[in-house]
Amino acid sequence: MPDETFRASDAPAGGLAILLLDGGYERAHYAFVLAAGALAVDRPVILFAAGQGVHALARDWSGLRDAVRDAAVQASGVAGFDTLRAAVCEMDGVLLACESGLRIAGLATDALLPEVEVAGVPTFLDAARGRQIVSL
């Protein structure tokens, strides 16, 4: 059997669409880990936060459940939440907050990061067309 080594250059260059539904720190942190990683290897990313997940796109993300875990994450040498969000923004990741999710979470649009666009599910689904979708 021939040795067939997979090379990243052999993979399709499709984008990634991340659907963040949960309002917990761990899932939100990992959504940004995935987004930053994908952007680092030139995969375009859309991150759509819905439900309580919209707290991840707020300037003050302390509304995430277990947000205090960020200190322990950083102490273990892993990039913290602010670092990951800044990286995703710097690498031109698209951040979308669900309009209904904002209402559910009681967040006003002016509480969001300036890079965040407010959108509905149809906008996300249209933007995600043809991309790999990951739901957290």
C-alpha atoms as a PDB file:
ATOM      1  CA  MET A   1       0.000   0.000   0.000  1.00  0.00           C
ATOM      2  CA  PRO A   2       1.517   3.357  -0.990  1.00  0.00           C
ATOM      3  CA  ASP A   3       2.307   5.903   1.687  1.00  0.00           C
ATOM      4  CA  GLU A   4      -0.253   8.650   1.172  1.00  0.00           C
ATOM      5  CA  THR A   5       0.526  11.519   3.501  1.00  0.00           C
ATOM      6  CA  PHE A   6      -2.181  14.103   3.827  1.00  0.00           C
ATOM      7  CA  ARG A   7      -0.921  17.607   3.185  1.00  0.00           C
ATOM      8  CA  ALA A   8      -2.848  20.724   4.190  1.00  0.00           C
ATOM      9  CA  SER A   9      -2.384  22.036   0.655  1.00  0.00           C
ATOM     10  CA  ASP A  10      -4.456  19.069  -0.583  1.00  0.00           C
ATOM     11  CA  ALA A  11      -7.483  20.115   1.476  1.00  0.00           C
ATOM     12  CA  PRO A  12     -10.210  22.275  -0.011  1.00  0.00           C
ATOM     13  CA  ALA A  13      -9.855  25.937   0.876  1.00  0.00           C
ATOM     14  CA  GLY A  14     -13.482  26.298   2.052  1.00  0.00           C
ATOM     15  CA  GLY A  15     -14.513  28.620   4.780  1.00  0.00           C
ATOM     16  CA  LEU A  16     -15.744  27.889   8.270  1.00  0.00           C
ATOM     17  CA  ALA A  17     -19.046  28.986   9.809  1.00  0.00           C
ATOM     18  CA  ILE A  18     -19.231  28.749  13.599  1.00  0.00           C
ATOM     19  CA  LEU A  19     -22.618  28.772  15.288  1.00  0.00           C
ATOM     20  CA  LEU A  20     -22.263  29.673  18.971  1.00  0.00           C
ATOM     21  CA  LEU A  21     -25.498  28.938  20.814  1.00  0.00           C
ATOM     22  CA  ASP A  22     -24.278  28.373  24.344  1.00  0.00           C
ATOM     23  CA  GLY A  23     -23.584  31.178  26.780  1.00  0.00           C
ATOM     24  CA  GLY A  24     -20.847  29.340  28.652  1.00  0.00           C
ATOM     25  CA  TYR A  25     -17.234  30.513  28.715  1.00  0.00           C
ATOM     26  CA  GLU A  26     -15.723  27.193  27.619  1.00  0.00           C
ATOM     27  CA  ARG A  27     -17.726  26.910  24.389  1.00  0.00           C
ATOM     28  CA  ALA A  28     -17.337  30.605  23.596  1.00  0.00           C
ATOM     29  CA  HIS A  29     -13.573  30.422  24.197  1.00  0.00           C
ATOM     30  CA  TYR A  30     -13.291  27.389  21.944  1.00  0.00           C
ATOM     31  CA  ALA A  31     -15.362  29.094  19.232  1.00  0.00           C
ATOM     32  CA  PHE A  32     -12.709  31.807  19.144  1.00  0.00           C
ATOM     33  CA  VAL A  33      -9.892  29.221  19.251  1.00  0.00           C
ATOM     34  CA  LEU A  34     -11.408  27.558  16.161  1.00  0.00           C
ATOM     35  CA  ALA A  35     -11.970  30.895  14.443  1.00  0.00           C
ATOM     36  CA  ALA A  36      -8.428  32.127  15.074  1.00  0.00           C
ATOM     37  CA  GLY A  37      -6.958  28.789  14.004  1.00  0.00           C
ATOM     38  CA  ALA A  38      -8.946  28.705  10.780  1.00  0.00           C
ATOM     39  CA  LEU A  39      -8.056  32.290   9.942  1.00  0.00           C
ATOM     40  CA  ALA A  40      -4.380  31.532  10.632  1.00  0.00           C
ATOM     41  CA  VAL A  41      -4.462  28.893   7.873  1.00  0.00           C
ATOM     42  CA  ASP A  42      -6.299  31.210   5.472  1.00  0.00           C
ATOM     43  CA  ARG A  43      -9.805  29.794   5.915  1.00  0.00           C
ATOM     44  CA  PRO A  44     -12.386  32.573   5.994  1.00  0.00           C
ATOM     45  CA  VAL A  45     -14.549  32.523   9.128  1.00  0.00           C
ATOM     46  CA  ILE A  46     -18.028  33.638  10.076  1.00  0.00           C
ATOM     47  CA  LEU A  47     -18.901  33.384  13.762  1.00  0.00           C
ATOM     48  CA  PHE A  48     -22.637  33.710  14.441  1.00  0.00           C
ATOM     49  CA  ALA A  49     -23.568  34.042  18.111  1.00  0.00           C
ATOM     50  CA  ALA A  50     -27.177  33.320  19.040  1.00  0.00           C
ATOM     51  CA  GLY A  51     -29.120  32.905  22.272  1.00  0.00           C
ATOM     52  CA  GLN A  52     -26.964  33.506  25.332  1.00  0.00           C
ATOM     53  CA  GLY A  53     -23.911  33.077  23.090  1.00  0.00           C
ATOM     54  CA  VAL A  54     -24.255  36.757  22.128  1.00  0.00           C
ATOM     55  CA  HIS A  55     -22.499  37.617  25.406  1.00  0.00           C
ATOM     56  CA  ALA A  56     -19.278  36.444  23.697  1.00  0.00           C
ATOM     57  CA  LEU A  57     -19.555  39.388  21.299  1.00  0.00           C
ATOM     58  CA  ALA A  58     -20.224  42.011  23.950  1.00  0.00           C
ATOM     59  CA  ARG A  59     -17.537  44.488  24.941  1.00  0.00           C
ATOM     60  CA  ASP A  60     -18.037  43.228  28.498  1.00  0.00           C
ATOM     61  CA  TRP A  61     -18.222  39.462  28.115  1.00  0.00           C
ATOM     62  CA  SER A  62     -18.610  38.813  31.857  1.00  0.00           C
ATOM     63  CA  GLY A  63     -22.192  37.762  31.075  1.00  0.00           C
ATOM     64  CA  LEU A  64     -20.804  34.428  29.884  1.00  0.00           C
ATOM     65  CA  ARG A  65     -21.410  31.635  32.365  1.00  0.00           C
ATOM     66  CA  ASP A  66     -18.134  30.823  34.193  1.00  0.00           C
ATOM     67  CA  ALA A  67     -16.366  33.861  32.682  1.00  0.00           C
ATOM     68  CA  VAL A  68     -14.006  33.819  35.684  1.00  0.00           C
ATOM     69  CA  ARG A  69     -12.350  30.729  34.175  1.00  0.00           C
ATOM     70  CA  ASP A  70     -10.417  33.009  31.822  1.00  0.00           C
ATOM     71  CA  ALA A  71      -7.803  33.697  34.497  1.00  0.00           C
ATOM     72  CA  ALA A  72      -7.112  29.968  34.927  1.00  0.00           C
ATOM     73  CA  VAL A  73      -6.943  29.474  31.157  1.00  0.00           C
ATOM     74  CA  GLN A  74      -4.356  32.238  30.848  1.00  0.00           C
ATOM     75  CA  ALA A  75      -2.421  30.938  33.868  1.00  0.00           C
ATOM     76  CA  SER A  76      -2.055  27.598  32.070  1.00  0.00           C
ATOM     77  CA  GLY A  77      -0.434  29.322  29.091  1.00  0.00           C
ATOM     78  CA  VAL A  78      -3.449  29.348  26.764  1.00  0.00           C
ATOM     79  CA  ALA A  79      -4.603  32.515  25.018  1.00  0.00           C
ATOM     80  CA  GLY A  80      -7.303  34.309  26.939  1.00  0.00           C
ATOM     81  CA  PHE A  81     -10.656  35.444  25.631  1.00  0.00           C
ATOM     82  CA  ASP A  82      -9.650  39.043  24.870  1.00  0.00           C
ATOM     83  CA  THR A  83      -6.530  37.908  23.007  1.00  0.00           C
ATOM     84  CA  LEU A  84      -8.492  35.473  20.848  1.00  0.00           C
ATOM     85  CA  ARG A  85     -11.248  37.965  20.047  1.00  0.00           C
ATOM     86  CA  ALA A  86      -8.676  40.587  19.065  1.00  0.00           C
ATOM     87  CA  ALA A  87      -6.870  38.069  16.835  1.00  0.00           C
ATOM     88  CA  VAL A  88     -10.092  37.087  15.059  1.00  0.00           C
ATOM     89  CA  CYS A  89     -10.915  40.750  14.432  1.00  0.00           C
ATOM     90  CA  GLU A  90      -7.372  41.531  13.226  1.00  0.00           C
ATOM     91  CA  MET A  91      -7.487  38.598  10.790  1.00  0.00           C
ATOM     92  CA  ASP A  92     -10.825  39.810   9.384  1.00  0.00           C
ATOM     93  CA  GLY A  93     -13.129  37.185  10.848  1.00  0.00           C
ATOM     94  CA  VAL A  94     -16.787  38.093  10.415  1.00  0.00           C
ATOM     95  CA  LEU A  95     -18.687  38.404  13.704  1.00  0.00           C
ATOM     96  CA  LEU A  96     -22.478  38.276  13.599  1.00  0.00           C
ATOM     97  CA  ALA A  97     -24.844  38.609  16.554  1.00  0.00           C
ATOM     98  CA  CYS A  98     -28.325  37.174  16.237  1.00  0.00           C
ATOM     99  CA  GLU A  99     -30.951  39.892  16.543  1.00  0.00           C
ATOM    100  CA  SER A 100     -33.295  37.575  18.468  1.00  0.00           C
ATOM    101  CA  GLY A 101     -30.435  36.407  20.660  1.00  0.00           C
ATOM    102  CA  LEU A 102     -29.733  39.987  21.682  1.00  0.00           C
ATOM    103  CA  ARG A 103     -33.342  40.359  22.799  1.00  0.00           C
ATOM    104  CA  ILE A 104     -33.244  37.058  24.686  1.00  0.00           C
ATOM    105  CA  ALA A 105     -30.008  38.027  26.443  1.00  0.00           C
ATOM    106  CA  GLY A 106     -31.199  41.573  27.130  1.00  0.00           C
ATOM    107  CA  LEU A 107     -28.222  43.132  25.340  1.00  0.00           C
ATOM    108  CA  ALA A 108     -28.405  46.359  23.367  1.00  0.00           C
ATOM    109  CA  THR A 109     -26.525  46.623  20.091  1.00  0.00           C
ATOM    110  CA  ASP A 110     -24.287  49.331  21.548  1.00  0.00           C
ATOM    111  CA  ALA A 111     -23.005  46.764  24.089  1.00  0.00           C
ATOM    112  CA  LEU A 112     -21.355  44.808  21.260  1.00  0.00           C
ATOM    113  CA  LEU A 113     -17.822  45.079  19.920  1.00  0.00           C
ATOM    114  CA  PRO A 114     -17.658  47.623  17.090  1.00  0.00           C
ATOM    115  CA  GLU A 115     -16.723  44.850  14.605  1.00  0.00           C
ATOM    116  CA  VAL A 116     -19.981  42.947  15.224  1.00  0.00           C
ATOM    117  CA  GLU A 117     -22.873  43.098  12.780  1.00  0.00           C
ATOM    118  CA  VAL A 118     -26.408  42.311  13.917  1.00  0.00           C
ATOM    119  CA  ALA A 119     -28.108  39.798  11.628  1.00  0.00           C
ATOM    120  CA  GLY A 120     -30.872  37.249  11.485  1.00  0.00           C
ATOM    121  CA  VAL A 121     -30.740  33.528  10.847  1.00  0.00           C
ATOM    122  CA  PRO A 122     -31.393  33.899   7.088  1.00  0.00           C
ATOM    123  CA  THR A 123     -28.344  36.172   6.777  1.00  0.00           C
ATOM    124  CA  PHE A 124     -26.169  33.643   8.615  1.00  0.00           C
ATOM    125  CA  LEU A 125     -27.446  30.711   6.544  1.00  0.00           C
ATOM    126  CA  ASP A 126     -26.839  32.580   3.307  1.00  0.00           C
ATOM    127  CA  ALA A 127     -23.328  33.584   4.397  1.00  0.00           C
ATOM    128  CA  ALA A 128     -22.605  30.022   5.574  1.00  0.00           C
ATOM    129  CA  ARG A 129     -23.594  28.458   2.251  1.00  0.00           C
ATOM    130  CA  GLY A 130     -20.845  26.074   1.120  1.00  0.00           C
ATOM    131  CA  ARG A 131     -18.846  26.423   4.340  1.00  0.00           C
ATOM    132  CA  GLN A 132     -18.168  23.812   6.965  1.00  0.00           C
ATOM    133  CA  ILE A 133     -20.499  24.531   9.903  1.00  0.00           C
ATOM    134  CA  VAL A 134     -19.466  23.889  13.498  1.00  0.00           C
ATOM    135  CA  SER A 135     -22.028  24.307  16.254  1.00  0.00           C
ATOM    136  CA  LEU A 136     -21.024  24.979  19.860  1.00  0.00           C
END
